[in-house]
Each structure stands twice: as C-alpha cells, then as structure tokens.
Amino acid sequence: MQENQSKHTFKFIDLFAGIGGFRIACQNNGGECVFSSEWDEHAQKTYEHNFGDIPHGDITLQETKDAIPENFDLLCAGFPCQAFSIAGYQKGFEDTRGTLFFDVAQIIKTRRPKAVFLENVKNLRSHDHGRTFSVIQKTLRDLGYYVYDKVMSPDDYADIPQNRERIFIVCFDKAQVPNFTDFKYPEKVKLTRPIQSCIDYTVSDSRFFYTDKVKHFDQIRAGVRSKDTIYQWRRVYVRENKSKVCPTLTANMGTGGHNVPLILTDNGIRKLTPRECLNFQGFPESYSFPADLALSYCYKQAGNSVAVPLIQKVCQQILLVLNKIS
C-alpha cells in the first residue's frame, strides 16, 4: 500500500496492531507511523505484506518498549480485554499489573503522547461488574489525561453495513493540549451502502460453499432463503440478520462453527470470503492477504480487526483538537 510521505502532519504508534486497521486510518489522515507492535506472527506477515515493515513483537518486553521513539503525538491501541486481579480496585495504575493494559499505561507514562486512542469490545464497560473499566479510567486520569468514551458501530457512524458495537476511548494530556475539552465524537450518518456493495456475487470457489456433505446442511438450506440479506449459523440454527447489515465479524468465523456469516447467491449457499470480510471492515481494495496465508488465519485477522472508516473519523476529531487539521 502506498502512502503520501510528503504530507505527514502528525506521528503515531500502532500497538496491538493486528493487520493495520488503525494504521490505514491514521495514514489517511496524514499520520506517520513511527512504531508498531504485534506479537502474532501470522498477523505480522499480513502487516508486512501491506506496509513493507514488520511490527515489533511482544509489547510486554522492556526491549520492545525501549524501541518506541520519544516523540509522537498519538498512541493507538486495540488492546485485549482482561480482568484485573487485585481486590479493592483502588490503586489504579498498580491494579493493572499483569495485564496488557498495564503495558499501554506504562508507555503512556514514559512517552507522554498528546493523545491516546483506544478501542475495545462494548462489554469492556460491564466487564467484571464494571471494575475493569473503572480502573482503566482512573489509571488514565491519574496519568494526567482527560478521558472520553463512547460506544459506536460503523453502520451508524461510518456508512459501513456491519453491526459492530465497540467502545472508543479518547484521551488528551491536559498539560500539552489546552483545549482538551473541545473533543467531540463523530455524528451519526445515514447508512447508504447496502450489504451488496461488499459482496462479490461472481465467487465460485468451492472452498466457500456449503453442500450436503456439511453437518446440518438441511437446516442451513431451509434457513437461508433470500439473496438480499446475510444469515448467521449459530451452532444449531440459522439466524437471519433482518437489519440488512452484516452481523459482527468474529475471529472464529473461519472455523466452520459458531457465528459464521452466510449468504445465498446463484452459485449456492456460502460463507463470506476473506476479501468480503475486509470489505465489511472498510479496508481499501488495495489491501490484501498474503497468497500463502491459510484461510483460517485470514478470517481470524479480519474478525479481529477494526472498521477502518470509523477509526478514521474518530482520528479526524482527535486531530481537530490537536490543531493538526482545520
């Protein structure tokens, strides 16, 4: 993928980078990625295939943290959700020890970016009866950051036909960003793109189609009746998505079990292709998986990624506060 290096207006780092959804969004806004980290070697391979550089590995290692440059504007991280083990949840930063958020907090503490942009599952708010999110908020505030959070989905905010509710946490260093109270999340937009815009109806590759050799095929065939919607196989039954958007893509959708999105075409009933999954995440057409990457990894990587256009819109709002764009 090509980027215009002559128009960089800010620097960012890409933690828990996955296959680079945050990076695409930030680069589209004029950002320069000065560091990335992703421990999964298969995701590293896809990342390198598209960006030309290999992310650093395990962010819990001090040597990885030491490789992060001193000066950058924005820290991006789609960190995994983990419970905090210390009873009481009163110590903030200390309570996060042993979790991957602790590593994010350490980096924020030592590098002091002007802004922080975190993404996580919607249930982060209620995780461990709300204690996990409370500790995250307290930790960020104790580090001197003003914290915003909002749950959004790309079908409501980015004209992408996928229901994918995620919490977006945006923070500003009050010492470096005097107008930190000016931030506003993107406004809702009307969904104009139908699911058909993300689907290639010419696909005929037999690997993606269901036949009578598949367990529960009779149930699948009975449930998948319309070409105008997306269905989901839910272990023992088919569920139609009546909202006319793609259900939330998951990391396990390539295993053939739970939560597999299904469509009906002239060629039969099939699951989405990895490319179609990228389409439902708003990845550009120029983005691709390595040719030798197993399908199961392609699905996992697409399901673990982010809806790029929504990330891009939130990033734009961050940059307005940082006076990086007008």
C-alpha atoms as a PDB file:
ATOM      1  CA  MET A   1       0.000   0.000   0.000  1.00  0.00           C
ATOM      2  CA  GLN A   2       1.254   3.449  -0.912  1.00  0.00           C
ATOM      3  CA  GLU A   3       1.170   6.475   1.381  1.00  0.00           C
ATOM      4  CA  ASN A   4       1.984  10.100   0.695  1.00  0.00           C
ATOM      5  CA  GLN A   5       5.012  10.742   2.880  1.00  0.00           C
ATOM      6  CA  SER A   6       5.214  14.416   1.901  1.00  0.00           C
ATOM      7  CA  LYS A   7       2.027  15.286   3.765  1.00  0.00           C
ATOM      8  CA  HIS A   8       2.691  13.895   7.243  1.00  0.00           C
ATOM      9  CA  THR A   9       1.165  16.197   9.853  1.00  0.00           C
ATOM     10  CA  PHE A  10       1.453  14.028  12.961  1.00  0.00           C
ATOM     11  CA  LYS A  11       3.239  10.943  14.295  1.00  0.00           C
ATOM     12  CA  PHE A  12       1.553   7.920  15.846  1.00  0.00           C
ATOM     13  CA  ILE A  13       2.359   4.480  17.204  1.00  0.00           C
ATOM     14  CA  ASP A  14       0.291   1.367  16.479  1.00  0.00           C
ATOM     15  CA  LEU A  15       0.095  -1.054  19.436  1.00  0.00           C
ATOM     16  CA  PHE A  16      -1.630  -4.463  19.229  1.00  0.00           C
ATOM     17  CA  ALA A  17      -1.537  -3.575  15.562  1.00  0.00           C
ATOM     18  CA  GLY A  18      -3.189  -6.697  14.157  1.00  0.00           C
ATOM     19  CA  ILE A  19      -3.230  -6.224  10.402  1.00  0.00           C
ATOM     20  CA  GLY A  20      -3.021  -2.446  10.495  1.00  0.00           C
ATOM     21  CA  GLY A  21      -6.568  -1.069  10.574  1.00  0.00           C
ATOM     22  CA  PHE A  22      -5.556   1.803  12.843  1.00  0.00           C
ATOM     23  CA  ARG A  23      -2.524   2.471  10.666  1.00  0.00           C
ATOM     24  CA  ILE A  24      -4.580   2.829   7.474  1.00  0.00           C
ATOM     25  CA  ALA A  25      -6.994   5.204   9.209  1.00  0.00           C
ATOM     26  CA  CYS A  26      -4.232   7.367  10.657  1.00  0.00           C
ATOM     27  CA  GLN A  27      -2.215   7.424   7.439  1.00  0.00           C
ATOM     28  CA  ASN A  28      -5.317   8.513   5.558  1.00  0.00           C
ATOM     29  CA  ASN A  29      -5.418  11.482   7.919  1.00  0.00           C
ATOM     30  CA  GLY A  30      -1.804  12.429   7.247  1.00  0.00           C
ATOM     31  CA  GLY A  31      -0.176  10.406  10.006  1.00  0.00           C
ATOM     32  CA  GLU A  32       3.285   8.848  10.018  1.00  0.00           C
ATOM     33  CA  CYS A  33       3.578   5.507  11.787  1.00  0.00           C
ATOM     34  CA  VAL A  34       6.822   5.624  13.776  1.00  0.00           C
ATOM     35  CA  PHE A  35       6.384   2.325  15.666  1.00  0.00           C
ATOM     36  CA  SER A  36       4.150  -0.730  15.548  1.00  0.00           C
ATOM     37  CA  SER A  37       3.840  -3.815  17.725  1.00  0.00           C
ATOM     38  CA  GLU A  38       2.031  -7.124  17.130  1.00  0.00           C
ATOM     39  CA  TRP A  39       3.033 -10.450  18.643  1.00  0.00           C
ATOM     40  CA  ASP A  40       1.092 -12.818  16.338  1.00  0.00           C
ATOM     41  CA  GLU A  41       3.454 -13.960  13.580  1.00  0.00           C
ATOM     42  CA  HIS A  42       0.672 -14.564  11.057  1.00  0.00           C
ATOM     43  CA  ALA A  43      -0.694 -11.049  11.558  1.00  0.00           C
ATOM     44  CA  GLN A  44       2.870  -9.730  11.302  1.00  0.00           C
ATOM     45  CA  LYS A  45       3.121 -11.408   7.914  1.00  0.00           C
ATOM     46  CA  THR A  46      -0.044  -9.724   6.634  1.00  0.00           C
ATOM     47  CA  TYR A  47       1.078  -6.395   8.092  1.00  0.00           C
ATOM     48  CA  GLU A  48       4.443  -6.617   6.336  1.00  0.00           C
ATOM     49  CA  HIS A  49       2.751  -7.697   3.089  1.00  0.00           C
ATOM     50  CA  ASN A  50       0.769  -4.450   3.040  1.00  0.00           C
ATOM     51  CA  PHE A  51       3.030  -1.901   4.712  1.00  0.00           C
ATOM     52  CA  GLY A  52       6.522  -3.158   3.968  1.00  0.00           C
ATOM     53  CA  ASP A  53       7.736  -3.359   7.566  1.00  0.00           C
ATOM     54  CA  ILE A  54       7.404  -5.978  10.275  1.00  0.00           C
ATOM     55  CA  PRO A  55       5.878  -4.879  13.606  1.00  0.00           C
ATOM     56  CA  HIS A  56       7.906  -5.314  16.745  1.00  0.00           C
ATOM     57  CA  GLY A  57       6.895  -8.297  18.841  1.00  0.00           C
ATOM     58  CA  ASP A  58       5.790  -8.771  22.446  1.00  0.00           C
ATOM     59  CA  ILE A  59       4.951  -5.346  23.929  1.00  0.00           C
ATOM     60  CA  THR A  60       5.287  -6.732  27.467  1.00  0.00           C
ATOM     61  CA  LEU A  61       9.059  -6.994  26.960  1.00  0.00           C
ATOM     62  CA  GLN A  62      11.104  -3.996  28.052  1.00  0.00           C
ATOM     63  CA  GLU A  63      13.276  -4.261  24.951  1.00  0.00           C
ATOM     64  CA  THR A  64      10.164  -3.757  22.812  1.00  0.00           C
ATOM     65  CA  LYS A  65       9.088  -0.737  24.842  1.00  0.00           C
ATOM     66  CA  ASP A  66      12.596   0.689  24.575  1.00  0.00           C
ATOM     67  CA  ALA A  67      12.278   0.696  20.789  1.00  0.00           C
ATOM     68  CA  ILE A  68       9.405   3.197  20.930  1.00  0.00           C
ATOM     69  CA  PRO A  69      10.601   6.683  19.918  1.00  0.00           C
ATOM     70  CA  GLU A  70      10.435   9.541  22.388  1.00  0.00           C
ATOM     71  CA  ASN A  71       8.299  11.994  20.465  1.00  0.00           C
ATOM     72  CA  PHE A  72       4.974  11.189  18.832  1.00  0.00           C
ATOM     73  CA  ASP A  73       1.524  12.730  19.004  1.00  0.00           C
ATOM     74  CA  LEU A  74      -0.925   9.835  19.174  1.00  0.00           C
ATOM     75  CA  LEU A  75      -0.878   6.373  20.756  1.00  0.00           C
ATOM     76  CA  CYS A  76      -3.311   3.903  19.163  1.00  0.00           C
ATOM     77  CA  ALA A  77      -4.150   0.546  20.712  1.00  0.00           C
ATOM     78  CA  GLY A  78      -6.899  -2.029  20.303  1.00  0.00           C
ATOM     79  CA  PHE A  79      -5.799  -3.794  23.468  1.00  0.00           C
ATOM     80  CA  PRO A  80      -7.306  -7.114  24.655  1.00  0.00           C
ATOM     81  CA  CYS A  81      -9.825  -7.014  27.484  1.00  0.00           C
ATOM     82  CA  GLN A  82      -8.535  -8.666  30.664  1.00  0.00           C
ATOM     83  CA  ALA A  83      -9.740  -8.793  34.251  1.00  0.00           C
ATOM     84  CA  PHE A  84      -7.643  -7.085  36.917  1.00  0.00           C
ATOM     85  CA  SER A  85      -6.856  -9.441  39.734  1.00  0.00           C
ATOM     86  CA  ILE A  86      -6.218  -7.164  42.704  1.00  0.00           C
ATOM     87  CA  ALA A  87      -9.171  -6.962  45.083  1.00  0.00           C
ATOM     88  CA  GLY A  88     -10.399  -3.492  46.002  1.00  0.00           C
ATOM     89  CA  TYR A  89      -9.599  -1.748  42.727  1.00  0.00           C
ATOM     90  CA  GLN A  90      -8.403   1.385  44.488  1.00  0.00           C
ATOM     91  CA  LYS A  91      -4.838   1.746  43.238  1.00  0.00           C
ATOM     92  CA  GLY A  92      -5.461   2.474  39.578  1.00  0.00           C
ATOM     93  CA  PHE A  93      -2.125   2.003  37.796  1.00  0.00           C
ATOM     94  CA  GLU A  94      -0.917  -0.651  40.228  1.00  0.00           C
ATOM     95  CA  ASP A  95      -4.161  -2.592  39.876  1.00  0.00           C
ATOM     96  CA  THR A  96      -3.463  -3.125  36.181  1.00  0.00           C
ATOM     97  CA  ARG A  97      -0.245  -5.100  36.720  1.00  0.00           C
ATOM     98  CA  GLY A  98      -0.136  -8.423  34.929  1.00  0.00           C
ATOM     99  CA  THR A  99      -2.497  -7.201  32.186  1.00  0.00           C
ATOM    100  CA  LEU A 100      -1.776  -5.859  28.727  1.00  0.00           C
ATOM    101  CA  PHE A 101      -3.419  -2.552  29.606  1.00  0.00           C
ATOM    102  CA  PHE A 102      -0.648  -2.101  32.174  1.00  0.00           C
ATOM    103  CA  ASP A 103       1.855  -2.104  29.307  1.00  0.00           C
ATOM    104  CA  VAL A 104      -0.177   0.545  27.491  1.00  0.00           C
ATOM    105  CA  ALA A 105      -0.281   2.625  30.676  1.00  0.00           C
ATOM    106  CA  GLN A 106       3.484   2.264  31.148  1.00  0.00           C
ATOM    107  CA  ILE A 107       4.102   3.564  27.638  1.00  0.00           C
ATOM    108  CA  ILE A 108       1.730   6.476  28.180  1.00  0.00           C
ATOM    109  CA  LYS A 109       3.514   7.282  31.442  1.00  0.00           C
ATOM    110  CA  THR A 110       7.010   7.282  29.941  1.00  0.00           C
ATOM    111  CA  ARG A 111       6.352   8.708  26.454  1.00  0.00           C
ATOM    112  CA  ARG A 112       3.566  11.197  27.236  1.00  0.00           C
ATOM    113  CA  PRO A 113       1.758  11.336  23.884  1.00  0.00           C
ATOM    114  CA  LYS A 114      -0.552  14.303  23.410  1.00  0.00           C
ATOM    115  CA  ALA A 115      -3.477  11.972  22.737  1.00  0.00           C
ATOM    116  CA  VAL A 116      -4.448   8.323  23.234  1.00  0.00           C
ATOM    117  CA  PHE A 117      -6.953   6.390  21.116  1.00  0.00           C
ATOM    118  CA  LEU A 118      -8.093   3.010  22.452  1.00  0.00           C
ATOM    119  CA  GLU A 119     -10.646   0.572  21.027  1.00  0.00           C
ATOM    120  CA  ASN A 120     -12.226  -2.413  22.708  1.00  0.00           C
ATOM    121  CA  VAL A 121     -15.347  -4.555  22.818  1.00  0.00           C
ATOM    122  CA  LYS A 122     -18.541  -2.902  24.013  1.00  0.00           C
ATOM    123  CA  ASN A 123     -18.615  -5.157  27.072  1.00  0.00           C
ATOM    124  CA  LEU A 124     -15.473  -3.530  28.449  1.00  0.00           C
ATOM    125  CA  ARG A 125     -17.816  -1.174  30.289  1.00  0.00           C
ATOM    126  CA  SER A 126     -19.544  -4.021  32.141  1.00  0.00           C
ATOM    127  CA  HIS A 127     -16.550  -6.379  32.343  1.00  0.00           C
ATOM    128  CA  ASP A 128     -16.013  -7.708  35.889  1.00  0.00           C
ATOM    129  CA  HIS A 129     -19.085  -5.769  37.090  1.00  0.00           C
ATOM    130  CA  GLY A 130     -17.659  -2.504  35.789  1.00  0.00           C
ATOM    131  CA  ARG A 131     -14.474  -2.680  37.843  1.00  0.00           C
ATOM    132  CA  THR A 132     -12.174  -3.210  34.854  1.00  0.00           C
ATOM    133  CA  PHE A 133     -13.373  -0.054  33.113  1.00  0.00           C
ATOM    134  CA  SER A 134     -13.264   1.942  36.346  1.00  0.00           C
ATOM    135  CA  VAL A 135      -9.609   1.039  36.839  1.00  0.00           C
ATOM    136  CA  ILE A 136      -8.800   1.939  33.222  1.00  0.00           C
ATOM    137  CA  GLN A 137     -10.457   5.339  33.592  1.00  0.00           C
ATOM    138  CA  LYS A 138      -8.784   6.024  36.938  1.00  0.00           C
ATOM    139  CA  THR A 139      -5.389   4.995  35.586  1.00  0.00           C
ATOM    140  CA  LEU A 140      -5.630   7.318  32.599  1.00  0.00           C
ATOM    141  CA  ARG A 141      -6.879  10.205  34.724  1.00  0.00           C
ATOM    142  CA  ASP A 142      -4.131   9.694  37.304  1.00  0.00           C
ATOM    143  CA  LEU A 143      -1.634   9.926  34.443  1.00  0.00           C
ATOM    144  CA  GLY A 144      -2.978  13.394  33.699  1.00  0.00           C
ATOM    145  CA  TYR A 145      -5.302  12.644  30.806  1.00  0.00           C
ATOM    146  CA  TYR A 146      -8.852  13.808  30.189  1.00  0.00           C
ATOM    147  CA  VAL A 147     -10.880  10.739  29.223  1.00  0.00           C
ATOM    148  CA  TYR A 148     -13.765  10.388  26.778  1.00  0.00           C
ATOM    149  CA  ASP A 149     -15.588   7.172  25.888  1.00  0.00           C
ATOM    150  CA  LYS A 150     -18.417   6.228  23.574  1.00  0.00           C
ATOM    151  CA  VAL A 151     -19.875   3.048  22.088  1.00  0.00           C
ATOM    152  CA  MET A 152     -20.339   3.280  18.314  1.00  0.00           C
ATOM    153  CA  SER A 153     -20.980   0.976  15.368  1.00  0.00           C
ATOM    154  CA  PRO A 154     -19.856   1.525  11.754  1.00  0.00           C
ATOM    155  CA  ASP A 155     -23.377   1.108  10.383  1.00  0.00           C
ATOM    156  CA  ASP A 156     -24.475   4.092  12.485  1.00  0.00           C
ATOM    157  CA  TYR A 157     -21.416   6.316  12.182  1.00  0.00           C
ATOM    158  CA  ALA A 158     -19.365   5.395   9.101  1.00  0.00           C
ATOM    159  CA  ASP A 159     -21.739   4.181   6.358  1.00  0.00           C
ATOM    160  CA  ILE A 160     -20.338   0.649   6.580  1.00  0.00           C
ATOM    161  CA  PRO A 161     -23.022  -2.098   6.566  1.00  0.00           C
ATOM    162  CA  GLN A 162     -21.733  -4.052   9.562  1.00  0.00           C
ATOM    163  CA  ASN A 163     -23.160  -4.045  13.082  1.00  0.00           C
ATOM    164  CA  ARG A 164     -20.024  -3.831  15.214  1.00  0.00           C
ATOM    165  CA  GLU A 165     -20.511  -2.053  18.516  1.00  0.00           C
ATOM    166  CA  ARG A 166     -17.184  -1.103  20.050  1.00  0.00           C
ATOM    167  CA  ILE A 167     -16.108   1.297  22.780  1.00  0.00           C
ATOM    168  CA  PHE A 168     -13.796   4.078  21.636  1.00  0.00           C
ATOM    169  CA  ILE A 169     -11.748   5.717  24.379  1.00  0.00           C
ATOM    170  CA  VAL A 170     -10.063   9.033  23.540  1.00  0.00           C
ATOM    171  CA  CYS A 171      -7.736  10.814  25.963  1.00  0.00           C
ATOM    172  CA  PHE A 172      -5.826  14.097  25.901  1.00  0.00           C
ATOM    173  CA  ASP A 173      -2.860  15.129  28.027  1.00  0.00           C
ATOM    174  CA  LYS A 174      -4.185  18.163  29.859  1.00  0.00           C
ATOM    175  CA  ALA A 175      -0.665  19.581  30.206  1.00  0.00           C
ATOM    176  CA  GLN A 176       0.047  19.516  26.463  1.00  0.00           C
ATOM    177  CA  VAL A 177      -3.412  20.058  24.977  1.00  0.00           C
ATOM    178  CA  PRO A 178      -5.013  23.181  26.487  1.00  0.00           C
ATOM    179  CA  ASN A 179      -8.262  22.760  24.508  1.00  0.00           C
ATOM    180  CA  PHE A 180      -8.769  19.147  25.659  1.00  0.00           C
ATOM    181  CA  THR A 181     -12.458  19.789  26.380  1.00  0.00           C
ATOM    182  CA  ASP A 182     -13.177  20.575  22.710  1.00  0.00           C
ATOM    183  CA  PHE A 183     -13.279  16.961  21.528  1.00  0.00           C
ATOM    184  CA  LYS A 184     -16.479  15.625  20.008  1.00  0.00           C
ATOM    185  CA  TYR A 185     -17.156  12.147  18.647  1.00  0.00           C
ATOM    186  CA  PRO A 186     -18.426  11.843  15.060  1.00  0.00           C
ATOM    187  CA  GLU A 187     -22.126  12.392  14.480  1.00  0.00           C
ATOM    188  CA  LYS A 188     -24.373   9.618  13.242  1.00  0.00           C
ATOM    189  CA  VAL A 189     -24.775   9.325   9.475  1.00  0.00           C
ATOM    190  CA  LYS A 190     -27.389   7.664   7.330  1.00  0.00           C
ATOM    191  CA  LEU A 191     -26.415   4.206   6.101  1.00  0.00           C
ATOM    192  CA  THR A 192     -26.478   4.354   2.307  1.00  0.00           C
ATOM    193  CA  ARG A 193     -24.269   1.392   1.439  1.00  0.00           C
ATOM    194  CA  PRO A 194     -26.168  -1.906   1.163  1.00  0.00           C
ATOM    195  CA  ILE A 195     -24.594  -5.262   2.000  1.00  0.00           C
ATOM    196  CA  GLN A 196     -24.445  -5.974  -1.732  1.00  0.00           C
ATOM    197  CA  SER A 197     -21.720  -3.324  -2.061  1.00  0.00           C
ATOM    198  CA  CYS A 198     -19.369  -5.569  -0.043  1.00  0.00           C
ATOM    199  CA  ILE A 199     -20.239  -8.908  -1.666  1.00  0.00           C
ATOM    200  CA  ASP A 200     -18.772 -10.413  -4.833  1.00  0.00           C
ATOM    201  CA  TYR A 201     -21.598 -12.402  -6.387  1.00  0.00           C
ATOM    202  CA  THR A 202     -19.286 -13.947  -9.009  1.00  0.00           C
ATOM    203  CA  VAL A 203     -17.419 -16.079  -6.441  1.00  0.00           C
ATOM    204  CA  SER A 204     -17.492 -19.736  -7.438  1.00  0.00           C
ATOM    205  CA  ASP A 205     -14.596 -21.177  -5.421  1.00  0.00           C
ATOM    206  CA  SER A 206     -15.911 -24.410  -3.907  1.00  0.00           C
ATOM    207  CA  ARG A 207     -13.996 -23.824  -0.666  1.00  0.00           C
ATOM    208  CA  PHE A 208     -16.585 -21.264   0.398  1.00  0.00           C
ATOM    209  CA  PHE A 209     -19.765 -23.165  -0.419  1.00  0.00           C
ATOM    210  CA  TYR A 210     -21.874 -25.446   1.747  1.00  0.00           C
ATOM    211  CA  THR A 211     -23.003 -28.802   0.365  1.00  0.00           C
ATOM    212  CA  ASP A 212     -24.861 -31.825   1.701  1.00  0.00           C
ATOM    213  CA  LYS A 213     -21.529 -33.101   2.987  1.00  0.00           C
ATOM    214  CA  VAL A 214     -21.688 -30.427   5.681  1.00  0.00           C
ATOM    215  CA  LYS A 215     -23.289 -31.293   9.014  1.00  0.00           C
ATOM    216  CA  HIS A 216     -26.680 -29.571   9.497  1.00  0.00           C
ATOM    217  CA  PHE A 217     -26.845 -28.735   5.783  1.00  0.00           C
ATOM    218  CA  ASP A 218     -30.578 -29.421   5.649  1.00  0.00           C
ATOM    219  CA  GLN A 219     -31.135 -26.849   8.395  1.00  0.00           C
ATOM    220  CA  ILE A 220     -28.874 -24.356   6.664  1.00  0.00           C
ATOM    221  CA  ARG A 221     -30.628 -24.810   3.314  1.00  0.00           C
ATOM    222  CA  ALA A 222     -34.023 -24.440   4.951  1.00  0.00           C
ATOM    223  CA  GLY A 223     -32.996 -21.251   6.751  1.00  0.00           C
ATOM    224  CA  VAL A 224     -31.023 -19.442   4.049  1.00  0.00           C
ATOM    225  CA  ARG A 225     -33.712 -18.426   1.565  1.00  0.00           C
ATOM    226  CA  SER A 226     -33.098 -14.831   0.428  1.00  0.00           C
ATOM    227  CA  LYS A 227     -30.295 -13.255  -1.607  1.00  0.00           C
ATOM    228  CA  ASP A 228     -30.980  -9.871  -0.041  1.00  0.00           C
ATOM    229  CA  THR A 229     -29.691 -10.453   3.465  1.00  0.00           C
ATOM    230  CA  ILE A 230     -26.918 -12.094   5.496  1.00  0.00           C
ATOM    231  CA  TYR A 231     -27.557 -15.039   7.762  1.00  0.00           C
ATOM    232  CA  GLN A 232     -25.550 -16.405  10.649  1.00  0.00           C
ATOM    233  CA  TRP A 233     -25.041 -20.008  11.644  1.00  0.00           C
ATOM    234  CA  ARG A 234     -25.496 -20.215  15.409  1.00  0.00           C
ATOM    235  CA  ARG A 235     -24.255 -23.723  16.235  1.00  0.00           C
ATOM    236  CA  VAL A 236     -27.587 -25.457  15.631  1.00  0.00           C
ATOM    237  CA  TYR A 237     -29.778 -22.960  13.799  1.00  0.00           C
ATOM    238  CA  VAL A 238     -29.750 -20.202  11.180  1.00  0.00           C
ATOM    239  CA  ARG A 239     -30.479 -16.619  12.197  1.00  0.00           C
ATOM    240  CA  GLU A 240     -31.410 -14.009   9.624  1.00  0.00           C
ATOM    241  CA  ASN A 241     -29.998 -10.521  10.106  1.00  0.00           C
ATOM    242  CA  LYS A 242     -33.177  -8.528   9.498  1.00  0.00           C
ATOM    243  CA  SER A 243     -31.477  -5.158   9.915  1.00  0.00           C
ATOM    244  CA  LYS A 244     -29.958  -5.574   6.432  1.00  0.00           C
ATOM    245  CA  VAL A 245     -26.394  -5.258   7.694  1.00  0.00           C
ATOM    246  CA  CYS A 246     -23.670  -7.801   8.268  1.00  0.00           C
ATOM    247  CA  PRO A 247     -23.589  -9.228  11.804  1.00  0.00           C
ATOM    248  CA  THR A 248     -20.441  -8.579  13.797  1.00  0.00           C
ATOM    249  CA  LEU A 249     -17.499 -10.357  12.204  1.00  0.00           C
ATOM    250  CA  THR A 250     -15.657 -12.582  14.684  1.00  0.00           C
ATOM    251  CA  ALA A 251     -12.212 -14.137  14.905  1.00  0.00           C
ATOM    252  CA  ASN A 252     -13.631 -17.677  14.884  1.00  0.00           C
ATOM    253  CA  MET A 253     -15.854 -17.318  11.813  1.00  0.00           C
ATOM    254  CA  GLY A 254     -13.370 -19.240   9.675  1.00  0.00           C
ATOM    255  CA  THR A 255     -13.502 -22.386  11.788  1.00  0.00           C
ATOM    256  CA  GLY A 256     -16.837 -23.535  10.359  1.00  0.00           C
ATOM    257  CA  GLY A 257     -18.561 -23.477  13.714  1.00  0.00           C
ATOM    258  CA  HIS A 258     -20.306 -20.680  15.609  1.00  0.00           C
ATOM    259  CA  ASN A 259     -21.090 -17.212  14.193  1.00  0.00           C
ATOM    260  CA  VAL A 260     -20.335 -17.945  10.529  1.00  0.00           C
ATOM    261  CA  PRO A 261     -21.955 -15.323   8.233  1.00  0.00           C
ATOM    262  CA  LEU A 262     -23.806 -16.990   5.339  1.00  0.00           C
ATOM    263  CA  ILE A 263     -25.168 -15.657   2.055  1.00  0.00           C
ATOM    264  CA  LEU A 264     -27.188 -17.071  -0.827  1.00  0.00           C
ATOM    265  CA  THR A 265     -26.012 -16.476  -4.401  1.00  0.00           C
ATOM    266  CA  ASP A 266     -26.817 -18.016  -7.776  1.00  0.00           C
ATOM    267  CA  ASN A 267     -23.978 -20.464  -7.108  1.00  0.00           C
ATOM    268  CA  GLY A 268     -25.384 -21.689  -3.795  1.00  0.00           C
ATOM    269  CA  ILE A 269     -25.041 -21.045  -0.071  1.00  0.00           C
ATOM    270  CA  ARG A 270     -21.619 -19.931   1.084  1.00  0.00           C
ATOM    271  CA  LYS A 271     -19.721 -18.124   3.770  1.00  0.00           C
ATOM    272  CA  LEU A 272     -18.178 -14.739   3.126  1.00  0.00           C
ATOM    273  CA  THR A 273     -14.730 -14.742   1.548  1.00  0.00           C
ATOM    274  CA  PRO A 274     -11.839 -13.117   3.440  1.00  0.00           C
ATOM    275  CA  ARG A 275     -11.891 -10.266   0.915  1.00  0.00           C
ATOM    276  CA  GLU A 276     -15.580  -9.685   1.597  1.00  0.00           C
ATOM    277  CA  CYS A 277     -14.828  -9.612   5.330  1.00  0.00           C
ATOM    278  CA  LEU A 278     -12.263  -6.894   4.666  1.00  0.00           C
ATOM    279  CA  ASN A 279     -14.908  -5.035   2.667  1.00  0.00           C
ATOM    280  CA  PHE A 280     -17.273  -5.144   5.646  1.00  0.00           C
ATOM    281  CA  GLN A 281     -14.446  -3.695   7.762  1.00  0.00           C
ATOM    282  CA  GLY A 282     -13.955  -0.871   5.261  1.00  0.00           C
ATOM    283  CA  PHE A 283     -10.444  -1.850   4.159  1.00  0.00           C
ATOM    284  CA  PRO A 284      -9.335  -0.362   0.826  1.00  0.00           C
ATOM    285  CA  GLU A 285      -9.372  -2.525  -2.292  1.00  0.00           C
ATOM    286  CA  SER A 286      -5.579  -2.326  -2.460  1.00  0.00           C
ATOM    287  CA  TYR A 287      -5.285  -4.242   0.832  1.00  0.00           C
ATOM    288  CA  SER A 288      -4.712  -7.986   0.526  1.00  0.00           C
ATOM    289  CA  PHE A 289      -3.732 -11.103   2.421  1.00  0.00           C
ATOM    290  CA  PRO A 290      -0.523 -12.943   1.516  1.00  0.00           C
ATOM    291  CA  ALA A 291      -1.254 -15.606  -1.092  1.00  0.00           C
ATOM    292  CA  ASP A 292       0.125 -18.412   1.087  1.00  0.00           C
ATOM    293  CA  LEU A 293      -1.773 -17.453   4.263  1.00  0.00           C
ATOM    294  CA  ALA A 294      -4.221 -20.139   5.396  1.00  0.00           C
ATOM    295  CA  LEU A 295      -7.892 -19.190   5.136  1.00  0.00           C
ATOM    296  CA  SER A 296      -8.413 -19.713   8.864  1.00  0.00           C
ATOM    297  CA  TYR A 297      -5.815 -17.008   9.606  1.00  0.00           C
ATOM    298  CA  CYS A 298      -7.371 -14.662   7.044  1.00  0.00           C
ATOM    299  CA  TYR A 299     -10.754 -14.930   8.758  1.00  0.00           C
ATOM    300  CA  LYS A 300      -9.248 -14.562  12.211  1.00  0.00           C
ATOM    301  CA  GLN A 301      -7.331 -11.443  11.203  1.00  0.00           C
ATOM    302  CA  ALA A 302     -10.329  -9.818   9.520  1.00  0.00           C
ATOM    303  CA  GLY A 303     -12.552 -10.623  12.503  1.00  0.00           C
ATOM    304  CA  ASN A 304     -10.037  -9.244  14.990  1.00  0.00           C
ATOM    305  CA  SER A 305      -9.555  -6.016  13.072  1.00  0.00           C
ATOM    306  CA  VAL A 306     -11.379  -2.687  13.194  1.00  0.00           C
ATOM    307  CA  ALA A 307     -13.823  -0.841  10.964  1.00  0.00           C
ATOM    308  CA  VAL A 308     -11.304   1.440   9.282  1.00  0.00           C
ATOM    309  CA  PRO A 309     -13.633   4.301   8.210  1.00  0.00           C
ATOM    310  CA  LEU A 310     -14.952   4.704  11.767  1.00  0.00           C
ATOM    311  CA  ILE A 311     -11.427   4.733  13.200  1.00  0.00           C
ATOM    312  CA  GLN A 312     -10.567   7.326  10.565  1.00  0.00           C
ATOM    313  CA  LYS A 313     -13.491   9.571  11.530  1.00  0.00           C
ATOM    314  CA  VAL A 314     -12.624   9.460  15.244  1.00  0.00           C
ATOM    315  CA  CYS A 315      -8.996  10.187  14.363  1.00  0.00           C
ATOM    316  CA  GLN A 316     -10.104  13.274  12.422  1.00  0.00           C
ATOM    317  CA  GLN A 317     -11.894  14.566  15.514  1.00  0.00           C
ATOM    318  CA  ILE A 318      -8.764  13.984  17.607  1.00  0.00           C
ATOM    319  CA  LEU A 319      -6.667  15.923  15.104  1.00  0.00           C
ATOM    320  CA  LEU A 320      -9.066  18.861  15.227  1.00  0.00           C
ATOM    321  CA  VAL A 321      -8.334  19.169  18.937  1.00  0.00           C
ATOM    322  CA  LEU A 322      -4.589  18.801  18.337  1.00  0.00           C
ATOM    323  CA  ASN A 323      -4.815  21.511  15.656  1.00  0.00           C
ATOM    324  CA  LYS A 324      -3.326  19.120  13.107  1.00  0.00           C
ATOM    325  CA  ILE A 325      -6.127  19.711  10.603  1.00  0.00           C
ATOM    326  CA  SER A 326      -8.546  22.600  10.064  1.00  0.00           C
END
